[in-house]
All heavy atoms as atom14 arrays in JSON, in Angstrom:
{
  "sequence": "EEGSIYNQEFTGDEYFVSKDFLKFEHTNGLNYVYLELNRFDDISSLLK",
  "atom14_mask": [
    [1, 1, 1, 1, 1, 1, 1, 1, 1, 0, 0, 0, 0, 0],
    [1, 1, 1, 1, 1, 1, 1, 1, 1, 0, 0, 0, 0, 0],
    [1, 1, 1, 1, 0, 0, 0, 0, 0, 0, 0, 0, 0, 0],
    [1, 1, 1, 1, 1, 1, 0, 0, 0, 0, 0, 0, 0, 0],
    [1, 1, 1, 1, 1, 1, 1, 1, 0, 0, 0, 0, 0, 0],
    [1, 1, 1, 1, 1, 1, 1, 1, 1, 1, 1, 1, 0, 0],
    [1, 1, 1, 1, 1, 1, 1, 1, 0, 0, 0, 0, 0, 0],
    [1, 1, 1, 1, 1, 1, 1, 1, 1, 0, 0, 0, 0, 0],
    [1, 1, 1, 1, 1, 1, 1, 1, 1, 0, 0, 0, 0, 0],
    [1, 1, 1, 1, 1, 1, 1, 1, 1, 1, 1, 0, 0, 0],
    [1, 1, 1, 1, 1, 1, 1, 0, 0, 0, 0, 0, 0, 0],
    [1, 1, 1, 1, 0, 0, 0, 0, 0, 0, 0, 0, 0, 0],
    [1, 1, 1, 1, 1, 1, 1, 1, 0, 0, 0, 0, 0, 0],
    [1, 1, 1, 1, 1, 1, 1, 1, 1, 0, 0, 0, 0, 0],
    [1, 1, 1, 1, 1, 1, 1, 1, 1, 1, 1, 1, 0, 0],
    [1, 1, 1, 1, 1, 1, 1, 1, 1, 1, 1, 0, 0, 0],
    [1, 1, 1, 1, 1, 1, 1, 0, 0, 0, 0, 0, 0, 0],
    [1, 1, 1, 1, 1, 1, 0, 0, 0, 0, 0, 0, 0, 0],
    [1, 1, 1, 1, 1, 1, 1, 1, 1, 0, 0, 0, 0, 0],
    [1, 1, 1, 1, 1, 1, 1, 1, 0, 0, 0, 0, 0, 0],
    [1, 1, 1, 1, 1, 1, 1, 1, 1, 1, 1, 0, 0, 0],
    [1, 1, 1, 1, 1, 1, 1, 1, 0, 0, 0, 0, 0, 0],
    [1, 1, 1, 1, 1, 1, 1, 1, 1, 0, 0, 0, 0, 0],
    [1, 1, 1, 1, 1, 1, 1, 1, 1, 1, 1, 0, 0, 0],
    [1, 1, 1, 1, 1, 1, 1, 1, 1, 0, 0, 0, 0, 0],
    [1, 1, 1, 1, 1, 1, 1, 1, 1, 1, 0, 0, 0, 0],
    [1, 1, 1, 1, 1, 1, 1, 0, 0, 0, 0, 0, 0, 0],
    [1, 1, 1, 1, 1, 1, 1, 1, 0, 0, 0, 0, 0, 0],
    [1, 1, 1, 1, 0, 0, 0, 0, 0, 0, 0, 0, 0, 0],
    [1, 1, 1, 1, 1, 1, 1, 1, 0, 0, 0, 0, 0, 0],
    [1, 1, 1, 1, 1, 1, 1, 1, 0, 0, 0, 0, 0, 0],
    [1, 1, 1, 1, 1, 1, 1, 1, 1, 1, 1, 1, 0, 0],
    [1, 1, 1, 1, 1, 1, 1, 0, 0, 0, 0, 0, 0, 0],
    [1, 1, 1, 1, 1, 1, 1, 1, 1, 1, 1, 1, 0, 0],
    [1, 1, 1, 1, 1, 1, 1, 1, 0, 0, 0, 0, 0, 0],
    [1, 1, 1, 1, 1, 1, 1, 1, 1, 0, 0, 0, 0, 0],
    [1, 1, 1, 1, 1, 1, 1, 1, 0, 0, 0, 0, 0, 0],
    [1, 1, 1, 1, 1, 1, 1, 1, 0, 0, 0, 0, 0, 0],
    [1, 1, 1, 1, 1, 1, 1, 1, 1, 1, 1, 0, 0, 0],
    [1, 1, 1, 1, 1, 1, 1, 1, 1, 1, 1, 0, 0, 0],
    [1, 1, 1, 1, 1, 1, 1, 1, 0, 0, 0, 0, 0, 0],
    [1, 1, 1, 1, 1, 1, 1, 1, 0, 0, 0, 0, 0, 0],
    [1, 1, 1, 1, 1, 1, 1, 1, 0, 0, 0, 0, 0, 0],
    [1, 1, 1, 1, 1, 1, 0, 0, 0, 0, 0, 0, 0, 0],
    [1, 1, 1, 1, 1, 1, 0, 0, 0, 0, 0, 0, 0, 0],
    [1, 1, 1, 1, 1, 1, 1, 1, 0, 0, 0, 0, 0, 0],
    [1, 1, 1, 1, 1, 1, 1, 1, 0, 0, 0, 0, 0, 0],
    [1, 1, 1, 1, 1, 1, 1, 1, 1, 0, 0, 0, 0, 0]
  ],
  "atom14_positions": [
    [[-5.53, -12.74, 20.71], [-6.4, -12.69, 19.52], [-5.75, -13.45, 18.37], [-4.53, -13.35, 18.14], [-6.67, -11.25, 19.09], [-7.57, -10.48, 20.04], [-8.07, -9.17, 19.44], [-8.1, -9.08, 18.18], [-8.42, -8.25, 20.21], [0.0, 0.0, 0.0], [0.0, 0.0, 0.0], [0.0, 0.0, 0.0], [0.0, 0.0, 0.0], [0.0, 0.0, 0.0]],
    [[-6.56, -14.18, 17.62], [-6.04, -14.97, 16.51], [-5.38, -14.09, 15.46], [-4.4, -14.49, 14.82], [-7.17, -15.78, 15.88], [-7.75, -16.87, 16.79], [-8.85, -17.66, 16.11], [-9.09, -17.42, 14.89], [-9.46, -18.51, 16.76], [0.0, 0.0, 0.0], [0.0, 0.0, 0.0], [0.0, 0.0, 0.0], [0.0, 0.0, 0.0], [0.0, 0.0, 0.0]],
    [[-5.91, -12.88, 15.28], [-5.36, -11.98, 14.27], [-3.99, -11.44, 14.6], [-3.36, -10.77, 13.76], [0.0, 0.0, 0.0], [0.0, 0.0, 0.0], [0.0, 0.0, 0.0], [0.0, 0.0, 0.0], [0.0, 0.0, 0.0], [0.0, 0.0, 0.0], [0.0, 0.0, 0.0], [0.0, 0.0, 0.0], [0.0, 0.0, 0.0], [0.0, 0.0, 0.0]],
    [[-3.48, -11.74, 15.81], [-2.15, -11.24, 16.19], [-1.04, -11.86, 15.33], [0.08, -11.32, 15.32], [-1.88, -11.53, 17.67], [-1.85, -12.93, 17.92], [0.0, 0.0, 0.0], [0.0, 0.0, 0.0], [0.0, 0.0, 0.0], [0.0, 0.0, 0.0], [0.0, 0.0, 0.0], [0.0, 0.0, 0.0], [0.0, 0.0, 0.0], [0.0, 0.0, 0.0]],
    [[-1.36, -12.92, 14.6], [-0.35, -13.5, 13.7], [0.01, -12.52, 12.58], [1.04, -12.69, 11.92], [-0.84, -14.84, 13.1], [-2.11, -14.62, 12.26], [-1.08, -15.87, 14.19], [-2.57, -15.85, 11.51], [0.0, 0.0, 0.0], [0.0, 0.0, 0.0], [0.0, 0.0, 0.0], [0.0, 0.0, 0.0], [0.0, 0.0, 0.0], [0.0, 0.0, 0.0]],
    [[-0.82, -11.48, 12.39], [-0.55, -10.49, 11.35], [0.15, -9.25, 11.91], [0.37, -8.29, 11.17], [-1.85, -10.08, 10.66], [-2.6, -11.23, 10.03], [-3.83, -11.66, 10.56], [-2.09, -11.89, 8.93], [-4.52, -12.69, 9.99], [-2.79, -12.96, 8.35], [-4.0, -13.36, 8.9], [-4.68, -14.41, 8.33], [0.0, 0.0, 0.0], [0.0, 0.0, 0.0]],
    [[0.47, -9.24, 13.19], [1.08, -8.05, 13.81], [2.37, -7.66, 13.1], [3.28, -8.49, 12.93], [1.39, -8.32, 15.29], [0.14, -8.28, 16.16], [-0.95, -7.98, 15.68], [0.31, -8.58, 17.44], [0.0, 0.0, 0.0], [0.0, 0.0, 0.0], [0.0, 0.0, 0.0], [0.0, 0.0, 0.0], [0.0, 0.0, 0.0], [0.0, 0.0, 0.0]],
    [[2.44, -6.4, 12.68], [3.65, -5.89, 12.03], [3.46, -4.42, 11.69], [2.36, -3.87, 11.76], [3.95, -6.67, 10.75], [2.84, -6.59, 9.7], [3.16, -7.43, 8.48], [4.07, -7.12, 7.73], [2.4, -8.51, 8.32], [0.0, 0.0, 0.0], [0.0, 0.0, 0.0], [0.0, 0.0, 0.0], [0.0, 0.0, 0.0], [0.0, 0.0, 0.0]],
    [[4.54, -3.81, 11.31], [4.52, -2.45, 10.76], [4.56, -2.56, 9.23], [5.38, -3.29, 8.67], [5.74, -1.66, 11.24], [5.72, -1.33, 12.72], [4.86, -0.13, 13.04], [4.51, 0.63, 12.1], [4.51, 0.05, 14.22], [0.0, 0.0, 0.0], [0.0, 0.0, 0.0], [0.0, 0.0, 0.0], [0.0, 0.0, 0.0], [0.0, 0.0, 0.0]],
    [[3.66, -1.84, 8.56], [3.64, -1.81, 7.1], [4.29, -0.51, 6.63], [3.92, 0.58, 7.1], [2.22, -1.89, 6.57], [1.49, -3.16, 6.92], [0.54, -3.17, 7.93], [1.78, -4.33, 6.24], [-0.14, -4.33, 8.25], [1.11, -5.51, 6.56], [0.15, -5.52, 7.57], [0.0, 0.0, 0.0], [0.0, 0.0, 0.0], [0.0, 0.0, 0.0]],
    [[5.21, -0.62, 5.72], [5.96, 0.57, 5.27], [5.57, 1.03, 3.88], [6.25, 1.87, 3.28], [7.46, 0.25, 5.3], [7.73, -0.86, 4.42], [7.93, -0.09, 6.71], [0.0, 0.0, 0.0], [0.0, 0.0, 0.0], [0.0, 0.0, 0.0], [0.0, 0.0, 0.0], [0.0, 0.0, 0.0], [0.0, 0.0, 0.0], [0.0, 0.0, 0.0]],
    [[4.5, 0.47, 3.35], [4.08, 0.85, 2.01], [4.54, -0.1, 0.94], [4.23, 0.09, -0.25], [0.0, 0.0, 0.0], [0.0, 0.0, 0.0], [0.0, 0.0, 0.0], [0.0, 0.0, 0.0], [0.0, 0.0, 0.0], [0.0, 0.0, 0.0], [0.0, 0.0, 0.0], [0.0, 0.0, 0.0], [0.0, 0.0, 0.0], [0.0, 0.0, 0.0]],
    [[5.3, -1.13, 1.35], [5.76, -2.13, 0.39], [4.65, -3.12, 0.07], [3.59, -3.12, 0.7], [6.98, -2.88, 0.96], [8.18, -1.96, 1.14], [8.28, -0.99, 0.35], [8.97, -2.2, 2.06], [0.0, 0.0, 0.0], [0.0, 0.0, 0.0], [0.0, 0.0, 0.0], [0.0, 0.0, 0.0], [0.0, 0.0, 0.0], [0.0, 0.0, 0.0]],
    [[4.9, -3.99, -0.89], [3.91, -4.98, -1.28], [3.69, -6.01, -0.17], [4.63, -6.44, 0.5], [4.33, -5.69, -2.57], [4.14, -4.84, -3.82], [4.3, -5.67, -5.09], [4.9, -6.76, -5.01], [3.81, -5.23, -6.13], [0.0, 0.0, 0.0], [0.0, 0.0, 0.0], [0.0, 0.0, 0.0], [0.0, 0.0, 0.0], [0.0, 0.0, 0.0]],
    [[2.41, -6.38, -0.01], [2.03, -7.38, 0.98], [0.94, -8.24, 0.35], [0.06, -7.73, -0.35], [1.51, -6.7, 2.26], [1.06, -7.66, 3.34], [1.98, -8.3, 4.16], [-0.3, -7.93, 3.52], [1.56, -9.18, 5.15], [-0.73, -8.8, 4.51], [0.21, -9.42, 5.32], [-0.21, -10.29, 6.3], [0.0, 0.0, 0.0], [0.0, 0.0, 0.0]],
    [[0.99, -9.55, 0.62], [0.02, -10.45, 0.02], [-1.29, -10.39, 0.82], [-1.36, -10.86, 1.96], [0.56, -11.88, -0.01], [-0.34, -12.85, -0.75], [-0.51, -12.74, -2.12], [-1.0, -13.86, -0.08], [-1.32, -13.62, -2.81], [-1.82, -14.75, -0.76], [-1.98, -14.63, -2.14], [0.0, 0.0, 0.0], [0.0, 0.0, 0.0], [0.0, 0.0, 0.0]],
    [[-2.31, -9.79, 0.24], [-3.61, -9.66, 0.88], [-4.4, -10.94, 0.6], [-5.06, -11.07, -0.44], [-4.36, -8.42, 0.39], [-5.71, -8.29, 1.1], [-3.53, -7.16, 0.61], [0.0, 0.0, 0.0], [0.0, 0.0, 0.0], [0.0, 0.0, 0.0], [0.0, 0.0, 0.0], [0.0, 0.0, 0.0], [0.0, 0.0, 0.0], [0.0, 0.0, 0.0]],
    [[-4.33, -11.88, 1.52], [-4.96, -13.19, 1.33], [-6.42, -13.16, 1.76], [-6.88, -12.23, 2.45], [-4.21, -14.25, 2.14], [-4.4, -14.02, 3.53], [0.0, 0.0, 0.0], [0.0, 0.0, 0.0], [0.0, 0.0, 0.0], [0.0, 0.0, 0.0], [0.0, 0.0, 0.0], [0.0, 0.0, 0.0], [0.0, 0.0, 0.0], [0.0, 0.0, 0.0]],
    [[-7.15, -14.19, 1.39], [-8.55, -14.28, 1.78], [-8.69, -14.52, 3.28], [-9.73, -14.21, 3.87], [-9.25, -15.38, 0.99], [-8.7, -16.78, 1.23], [-9.44, -17.8, 0.39], [-8.9, -19.21, 0.65], [-9.61, -20.22, -0.18], [0.0, 0.0, 0.0], [0.0, 0.0, 0.0], [0.0, 0.0, 0.0], [0.0, 0.0, 0.0], [0.0, 0.0, 0.0]],
    [[-7.66, -15.07, 3.93], [-7.71, -15.25, 5.38], [-7.44, -13.93, 6.11], [-7.96, -13.7, 7.2], [-6.67, -16.29, 5.82], [-6.97, -17.67, 5.25], [-8.16, -18.01, 5.17], [-6.02, -18.38, 4.88], [0.0, 0.0, 0.0], [0.0, 0.0, 0.0], [0.0, 0.0, 0.0], [0.0, 0.0, 0.0], [0.0, 0.0, 0.0], [0.0, 0.0, 0.0]],
    [[-6.63, -13.06, 5.49], [-6.31, -11.77, 6.08], [-7.51, -10.83, 6.02], [-7.8, -10.11, 6.99], [-5.12, -11.17, 5.33], [-4.72, -9.8, 5.76], [-4.05, -9.6, 6.96], [-5.01, -8.69, 4.98], [-3.67, -8.34, 7.38], [-4.63, -7.42, 5.39], [-3.97, -7.24, 6.59], [0.0, 0.0, 0.0], [0.0, 0.0, 0.0], [0.0, 0.0, 0.0]],
    [[-8.23, -10.84, 4.88], [-9.32, -9.88, 4.71], [-10.32, -10.34, 3.66], [-9.94, -10.8, 2.59], [-8.74, -8.52, 4.29], [-9.74, -7.43, 3.9], [-10.56, -7.0, 5.1], [-9.03, -6.23, 3.29], [0.0, 0.0, 0.0], [0.0, 0.0, 0.0], [0.0, 0.0, 0.0], [0.0, 0.0, 0.0], [0.0, 0.0, 0.0], [0.0, 0.0, 0.0]],
    [[-11.59, -10.19, 4.01], [-12.69, -10.29, 3.04], [-13.48, -8.99, 3.17], [-13.92, -8.62, 4.26], [-13.59, -11.49, 3.34], [-14.78, -11.6, 2.41], [-15.65, -12.8, 2.78], [-16.84, -12.94, 1.83], [-17.69, -14.11, 2.18], [0.0, 0.0, 0.0], [0.0, 0.0, 0.0], [0.0, 0.0, 0.0], [0.0, 0.0, 0.0], [0.0, 0.0, 0.0]],
    [[-13.67, -8.3, 2.04], [-14.31, -6.99, 2.09], [-15.22, -6.85, 0.88], [-14.75, -6.71, -0.25], [-13.23, -5.89, 2.1], [-13.77, -4.5, 2.26], [-14.28, -4.05, 3.47], [-13.74, -3.61, 1.18], [-14.75, -2.75, 3.61], [-14.21, -2.32, 1.31], [-14.72, -1.89, 2.53], [0.0, 0.0, 0.0], [0.0, 0.0, 0.0], [0.0, 0.0, 0.0]],
    [[-16.54, -6.91, 1.12], [-17.51, -6.89, 0.03], [-18.74, -6.07, 0.42], [-19.28, -6.26, 1.51], [-17.98, -8.3, -0.33], [-16.89, -9.27, -0.7], [-17.43, -10.67, -0.98], [-18.64, -10.89, -0.73], [-16.66, -11.52, -1.44], [0.0, 0.0, 0.0], [0.0, 0.0, 0.0], [0.0, 0.0, 0.0], [0.0, 0.0, 0.0], [0.0, 0.0, 0.0]],
    [[-19.18, -5.18, -0.47], [-20.51, -4.56, -0.33], [-21.42, -5.34, -1.29], [-21.68, -4.93, -2.41], [-20.48, -3.09, -0.74], [-19.38, -2.29, -0.11], [-19.28, -2.09, 1.25], [-18.32, -1.64, -0.67], [-18.22, -1.34, 1.51], [-17.62, -1.06, 0.37], [0.0, 0.0, 0.0], [0.0, 0.0, 0.0], [0.0, 0.0, 0.0], [0.0, 0.0, 0.0]],
    [[-21.89, -6.48, -0.83], [-22.6, -7.37, -1.76], [-24.09, -7.51, -1.47], [-24.79, -8.23, -2.17], [-21.95, -8.77, -1.76], [-21.66, -9.18, -0.43], [-20.66, -8.75, -2.56], [0.0, 0.0, 0.0], [0.0, 0.0, 0.0], [0.0, 0.0, 0.0], [0.0, 0.0, 0.0], [0.0, 0.0, 0.0], [0.0, 0.0, 0.0], [0.0, 0.0, 0.0]],
    [[-24.55, -6.79, -0.46], [-26.02, -6.83, -0.28], [-26.57, -5.47, 0.17], [-27.46, -5.41, 1.03], [-26.42, -7.91, 0.73], [-27.89, -8.28, 0.59], [-28.5, -8.09, -0.46], [-28.48, -8.78, 1.66], [0.0, 0.0, 0.0], [0.0, 0.0, 0.0], [0.0, 0.0, 0.0], [0.0, 0.0, 0.0], [0.0, 0.0, 0.0], [0.0, 0.0, 0.0]],
    [[-26.18, -4.44, -0.43], [-25.16, -4.36, -1.47], [-24.52, -3.0, -1.3], [-24.57, -2.38, -0.25], [0.0, 0.0, 0.0], [0.0, 0.0, 0.0], [0.0, 0.0, 0.0], [0.0, 0.0, 0.0], [0.0, 0.0, 0.0], [0.0, 0.0, 0.0], [0.0, 0.0, 0.0], [0.0, 0.0, 0.0], [0.0, 0.0, 0.0], [0.0, 0.0, 0.0]],
    [[-23.99, -2.48, -2.4], [-23.53, -1.09, -2.44], [-24.75, -0.26, -2.84], [-24.97, 0.05, -4.0], [-22.4, -0.95, -3.45], [-21.76, 0.43, -3.56], [-21.08, 0.81, -2.26], [-20.78, 0.48, -4.72], [0.0, 0.0, 0.0], [0.0, 0.0, 0.0], [0.0, 0.0, 0.0], [0.0, 0.0, 0.0], [0.0, 0.0, 0.0], [0.0, 0.0, 0.0]],
    [[-25.55, 0.1, -1.85], [-26.88, 0.69, -2.1], [-26.8, 2.22, -2.15], [-26.56, 2.87, -1.14], [-27.86, 0.26, -1.01], [-28.0, -1.25, -0.94], [-28.25, -1.9, -1.95], [-27.82, -1.81, 0.25], [0.0, 0.0, 0.0], [0.0, 0.0, 0.0], [0.0, 0.0, 0.0], [0.0, 0.0, 0.0], [0.0, 0.0, 0.0], [0.0, 0.0, 0.0]],
    [[-27.03, 2.74, -3.35], [-27.01, 4.19, -3.58], [-28.46, 4.66, -3.63], [-29.22, 4.32, -4.55], [-26.28, 4.47, -4.9], [-26.26, 5.92, -5.35], [-26.05, 6.96, -4.46], [-26.4, 6.22, -6.71], [-26.0, 8.28, -4.9], [-26.35, 7.53, -7.15], [-26.15, 8.56, -6.25], [-26.11, 9.86, -6.68], [0.0, 0.0, 0.0], [0.0, 0.0, 0.0]],
    [[-28.86, 5.44, -2.63], [-30.24, 5.93, -2.5], [-30.2, 7.42, -2.82], [-29.57, 8.21, -2.1], [-30.78, 5.7, -1.08], [-32.24, 6.14, -0.98], [-30.62, 4.23, -0.68], [0.0, 0.0, 0.0], [0.0, 0.0, 0.0], [0.0, 0.0, 0.0], [0.0, 0.0, 0.0], [0.0, 0.0, 0.0], [0.0, 0.0, 0.0], [0.0, 0.0, 0.0]],
    [[-30.88, 7.85, -3.89], [-30.64, 9.19, -4.42], [-31.9, 9.88, -4.91], [-32.94, 9.25, -5.17], [-29.64, 9.11, -5.58], [-30.15, 8.28, -6.75], [-30.85, 8.88, -7.8], [-29.94, 6.91, -6.81], [-31.33, 8.13, -8.86], [-30.4, 6.15, -7.86], [-31.1, 6.76, -8.88], [-31.59, 6.0, -9.92], [0.0, 0.0, 0.0], [0.0, 0.0, 0.0]],
    [[-31.78, 11.2, -5.04], [-32.76, 12.03, -5.75], [-32.1, 12.54, -7.02], [-30.89, 12.82, -7.04], [-33.2, 13.2, -4.89], [-34.08, 12.87, -3.68], [-34.31, 14.12, -2.83], [-35.41, 12.27, -4.11], [0.0, 0.0, 0.0], [0.0, 0.0, 0.0], [0.0, 0.0, 0.0], [0.0, 0.0, 0.0], [0.0, 0.0, 0.0], [0.0, 0.0, 0.0]],
    [[-32.89, 12.68, -8.08], [-32.32, 12.99, -9.39], [-33.21, 14.0, -10.12], [-34.44, 13.94, -10.05], [-32.21, 11.71, -10.2], [-31.34, 11.78, -11.44], [-31.14, 10.4, -12.04], [-32.15, 9.77, -12.42], [-29.99, 9.95, -12.13], [0.0, 0.0, 0.0], [0.0, 0.0, 0.0], [0.0, 0.0, 0.0], [0.0, 0.0, 0.0], [0.0, 0.0, 0.0]],
    [[-32.59, 14.94, -10.83], [-33.29, 15.85, -11.73], [-32.89, 15.49, -13.15], [-31.7, 15.43, -13.48], [-32.92, 17.3, -11.43], [-33.5, 18.36, -12.38], [-35.02, 18.41, -12.26], [-32.89, 19.73, -12.12], [0.0, 0.0, 0.0], [0.0, 0.0, 0.0], [0.0, 0.0, 0.0], [0.0, 0.0, 0.0], [0.0, 0.0, 0.0], [0.0, 0.0, 0.0]],
    [[-33.88, 15.23, -14.01], [-33.62, 14.77, -15.37], [-34.28, 15.65, -16.42], [-35.36, 16.2, -16.19], [-34.16, 13.33, -15.56], [-33.51, 12.35, -14.62], [-32.36, 11.99, -14.79], [-34.26, 11.9, -13.63], [0.0, 0.0, 0.0], [0.0, 0.0, 0.0], [0.0, 0.0, 0.0], [0.0, 0.0, 0.0], [0.0, 0.0, 0.0], [0.0, 0.0, 0.0]],
    [[-33.64, 15.75, -17.57], [-34.24, 16.37, -18.74], [-34.63, 15.26, -19.7], [-33.94, 14.24, -19.83], [-33.26, 17.33, -19.42], [-33.86, 18.02, -20.65], [-32.88, 18.99, -21.31], [-33.38, 19.43, -22.59], [-34.11, 20.53, -22.78], [-34.42, 21.28, -21.74], [-34.53, 20.87, -23.99], [0.0, 0.0, 0.0], [0.0, 0.0, 0.0], [0.0, 0.0, 0.0]],
    [[-35.76, 15.45, -20.42], [-36.35, 14.41, -21.25], [-36.72, 15.03, -22.59], [-37.5, 15.98, -22.64], [-37.59, 13.87, -20.54], [-38.06, 12.52, -20.98], [-37.45, 11.37, -20.53], [-39.16, 12.41, -21.83], [-37.91, 10.13, -20.91], [-39.62, 11.18, -22.23], [-38.99, 10.02, -21.76], [0.0, 0.0, 0.0], [0.0, 0.0, 0.0], [0.0, 0.0, 0.0]],
    [[-36.15, 14.52, -23.69], [-36.39, 15.11, -25.01], [-36.82, 14.05, -26.02], [-36.15, 13.01, -26.17], [-35.12, 15.8, -25.52], [-34.79, 17.06, -24.74], [-35.47, 18.07, -24.95], [-33.86, 17.01, -23.91], [0.0, 0.0, 0.0], [0.0, 0.0, 0.0], [0.0, 0.0, 0.0], [0.0, 0.0, 0.0], [0.0, 0.0, 0.0], [0.0, 0.0, 0.0]],
    [[-37.91, 14.34, -26.73], [-38.41, 13.48, -27.8], [-37.62, 13.76, -29.08], [-37.62, 14.87, -29.59], [-39.9, 13.75, -28.01], [-40.51, 12.88, -29.1], [-39.81, 12.02, -29.65], [-41.72, 13.07, -29.38], [0.0, 0.0, 0.0], [0.0, 0.0, 0.0], [0.0, 0.0, 0.0], [0.0, 0.0, 0.0], [0.0, 0.0, 0.0], [0.0, 0.0, 0.0]],
    [[-36.95, 12.73, -29.61], [-36.18, 12.89, -30.85], [-36.78, 12.07, -31.98], [-36.13, 11.8, -32.99], [-34.69, 12.51, -30.65], [-34.56, 11.05, -30.21], [-34.04, 13.45, -29.65], [-33.12, 10.55, -30.24], [0.0, 0.0, 0.0], [0.0, 0.0, 0.0], [0.0, 0.0, 0.0], [0.0, 0.0, 0.0], [0.0, 0.0, 0.0], [0.0, 0.0, 0.0]],
    [[-38.05, 11.68, -31.83], [-38.7, 10.82, -32.83], [-38.73, 11.46, -34.21], [-38.53, 10.78, -35.23], [-40.12, 10.49, -32.38], [-40.13, 9.89, -31.11], [0.0, 0.0, 0.0], [0.0, 0.0, 0.0], [0.0, 0.0, 0.0], [0.0, 0.0, 0.0], [0.0, 0.0, 0.0], [0.0, 0.0, 0.0], [0.0, 0.0, 0.0], [0.0, 0.0, 0.0]],
    [[-38.98, 12.77, -34.27], [-39.1, 13.44, -35.57], [-37.79, 13.39, -36.35], [-37.8, 13.38, -37.59], [-39.54, 14.89, -35.37], [-38.58, 15.61, -34.6], [0.0, 0.0, 0.0], [0.0, 0.0, 0.0], [0.0, 0.0, 0.0], [0.0, 0.0, 0.0], [0.0, 0.0, 0.0], [0.0, 0.0, 0.0], [0.0, 0.0, 0.0], [0.0, 0.0, 0.0]],
    [[-36.68, 13.35, -35.65], [-35.39, 13.27, -36.33], [-35.22, 11.95, -37.07], [-34.45, 11.85, -38.03], [-34.24, 13.44, -35.32], [-34.2, 14.76, -34.55], [-33.05, 14.76, -33.56], [-34.08, 15.94, -35.51], [0.0, 0.0, 0.0], [0.0, 0.0, 0.0], [0.0, 0.0, 0.0], [0.0, 0.0, 0.0], [0.0, 0.0, 0.0], [0.0, 0.0, 0.0]],
    [[-35.97, 10.95, -36.62], [-35.89, 9.61, -37.22], [-37.13, 9.31, -38.06], [-37.41, 8.14, -38.35], [-35.7, 8.57, -36.13], [-34.44, 8.76, -35.27], [-34.43, 7.78, -34.12], [-33.19, 8.61, -36.12], [0.0, 0.0, 0.0], [0.0, 0.0, 0.0], [0.0, 0.0, 0.0], [0.0, 0.0, 0.0], [0.0, 0.0, 0.0], [0.0, 0.0, 0.0]],
    [[-37.9, 10.36, -38.42], [-39.07, 10.23, -39.29], [-40.17, 9.37, -38.67], [-40.89, 8.66, -39.38], [-38.68, 9.65, -40.66], [-37.49, 10.34, -41.34], [-37.76, 11.8, -41.64], [-36.61, 12.43, -42.42], [-36.82, 13.87, -42.67], [0.0, 0.0, 0.0], [0.0, 0.0, 0.0], [0.0, 0.0, 0.0], [0.0, 0.0, 0.0], [0.0, 0.0, 0.0]]
  ]
}
């Protein structure tokens, strides 16, 4: 496998995370699908 060039043990030290080593994106996308309960208050009178 081509990725075997990265074979090693990582001990928690700094390592250069290059664009060839990893690309990681939630770009289409990070989709949060939710239900929500909201309160709604008219504050118009406070502003005349």
